[in-house]
Amino acid sequence: MGVIVLLIIASICVAGLFLFGFLWALKNGQYDDAEGPAVRILFDDGTISTPNSEEEKKSEKEI
């Protein structure tokens, strides 16, 4: 019987830790933008790499 009481107390403590973690994440804005990361990959960011060194320019001319 003592083991059951100990397990109930331990499970309540673990549940309290998860509740604290959830409320902390909610307060810090973790769930503010739910759709942004899912559709961000669909948009082109518009960055184009340009050759900076002479070696890169030579390799582009060969192609």
C-alpha atoms as a PDB file:
ATOM      1  CA  MET A   1       0.000   0.000   0.000  1.00  0.00           C
ATOM      2  CA  GLY A   2       2.889   2.334   0.732  1.00  0.00           C
ATOM      3  CA  VAL A   3       4.290   1.811  -2.763  1.00  0.00           C
ATOM      4  CA  ILE A   4       1.026   2.974  -4.365  1.00  0.00           C
ATOM      5  CA  VAL A   5       1.082   6.197  -2.340  1.00  0.00           C
ATOM      6  CA  LEU A   6       4.688   6.779  -3.337  1.00  0.00           C
ATOM      7  CA  LEU A   7       3.887   6.201  -7.030  1.00  0.00           C
ATOM      8  CA  ILE A   8       0.912   8.589  -6.893  1.00  0.00           C
ATOM      9  CA  ILE A   9       3.076  11.306  -5.332  1.00  0.00           C
ATOM     10  CA  ALA A  10       5.815  10.728  -7.918  1.00  0.00           C
ATOM     11  CA  SER A  11       3.326  10.874 -10.813  1.00  0.00           C
ATOM     12  CA  ILE A  12       1.822  14.116  -9.494  1.00  0.00           C
ATOM     13  CA  CYS A  13       5.328  15.615  -9.291  1.00  0.00           C
ATOM     14  CA  VAL A  14       6.128  14.568 -12.866  1.00  0.00           C
ATOM     15  CA  ALA A  15       2.796  15.959 -14.092  1.00  0.00           C
ATOM     16  CA  GLY A  16       3.565  19.224 -12.293  1.00  0.00           C
ATOM     17  CA  LEU A  17       6.938  19.430 -14.049  1.00  0.00           C
ATOM     18  CA  PHE A  18       5.292  18.922 -17.439  1.00  0.00           C
ATOM     19  CA  LEU A  19       2.666  21.557 -16.618  1.00  0.00           C
ATOM     20  CA  PHE A  20       5.402  23.986 -15.578  1.00  0.00           C
ATOM     21  CA  GLY A  21       7.310  23.330 -18.821  1.00  0.00           C
ATOM     22  CA  PHE A  22       4.194  23.853 -20.918  1.00  0.00           C
ATOM     23  CA  LEU A  23       3.290  27.113 -19.195  1.00  0.00           C
ATOM     24  CA  TRP A  24       6.887  28.339 -19.525  1.00  0.00           C
ATOM     25  CA  ALA A  25       6.878  27.593 -23.271  1.00  0.00           C
ATOM     26  CA  LEU A  26       3.498  29.268 -23.659  1.00  0.00           C
ATOM     27  CA  LYS A  27       4.731  32.377 -21.842  1.00  0.00           C
ATOM     28  CA  ASN A  28       7.866  32.596 -24.009  1.00  0.00           C
ATOM     29  CA  GLY A  29       5.894  32.521 -27.273  1.00  0.00           C
ATOM     30  CA  GLN A  30       6.665  28.975 -28.386  1.00  0.00           C
ATOM     31  CA  TYR A  31       3.169  28.503 -29.835  1.00  0.00           C
ATOM     32  CA  ASP A  32       2.605  31.961 -31.344  1.00  0.00           C
ATOM     33  CA  ASP A  33       3.170  31.061 -34.998  1.00  0.00           C
ATOM     34  CA  ALA A  34       1.808  27.603 -35.670  1.00  0.00           C
ATOM     35  CA  GLU A  35       1.638  27.820 -39.484  1.00  0.00           C
ATOM     36  CA  GLY A  36       4.806  29.763 -40.297  1.00  0.00           C
ATOM     37  CA  PRO A  37       7.405  26.986 -40.206  1.00  0.00           C
ATOM     38  CA  ALA A  38       5.137  24.608 -42.114  1.00  0.00           C
ATOM     39  CA  VAL A  39       4.805  26.876 -45.156  1.00  0.00           C
ATOM     40  CA  ARG A  40       8.183  28.647 -44.965  1.00  0.00           C
ATOM     41  CA  ILE A  41       9.792  25.967 -47.121  1.00  0.00           C
ATOM     42  CA  LEU A  42       7.389  26.755 -49.974  1.00  0.00           C
ATOM     43  CA  PHE A  43       8.648  30.317 -50.453  1.00  0.00           C
ATOM     44  CA  ASP A  44      11.844  31.318 -52.220  1.00  0.00           C
ATOM     45  CA  ASP A  45      14.005  33.511 -50.021  1.00  0.00           C
ATOM     46  CA  GLY A  46      15.569  35.215 -53.034  1.00  0.00           C
ATOM     47  CA  THR A  47      19.220  34.737 -52.131  1.00  0.00           C
ATOM     48  CA  ILE A  48      21.497  34.079 -55.073  1.00  0.00           C
ATOM     49  CA  SER A  49      25.107  33.184 -54.494  1.00  0.00           C
ATOM     50  CA  THR A  50      27.619  35.048 -56.631  1.00  0.00           C
ATOM     51  CA  PRO A  51      31.146  33.824 -57.290  1.00  0.00           C
ATOM     52  CA  ASN A  52      33.584  35.664 -55.068  1.00  0.00           C
ATOM     53  CA  SER A  53      36.925  34.215 -55.974  1.00  0.00           C
ATOM     54  CA  GLU A  54      38.767  33.808 -59.242  1.00  0.00           C
ATOM     55  CA  GLU A  55      38.650  30.013 -58.889  1.00  0.00           C
ATOM     56  CA  GLU A  56      34.849  30.015 -58.735  1.00  0.00           C
ATOM     57  CA  LYS A  57      34.676  32.295 -61.796  1.00  0.00           C
ATOM     58  CA  LYS A  58      37.009  29.988 -63.733  1.00  0.00           C
ATOM     59  CA  SER A  59      34.978  26.923 -62.818  1.00  0.00           C
ATOM     60  CA  GLU A  60      31.790  28.641 -64.017  1.00  0.00           C
ATOM     61  CA  LYS A  61      33.410  29.489 -67.381  1.00  0.00           C
ATOM     62  CA  GLU A  62      34.376  25.846 -67.885  1.00  0.00           C
ATOM     63  CA  ILE A  63      30.780  24.726 -67.459  1.00  0.00           C
END
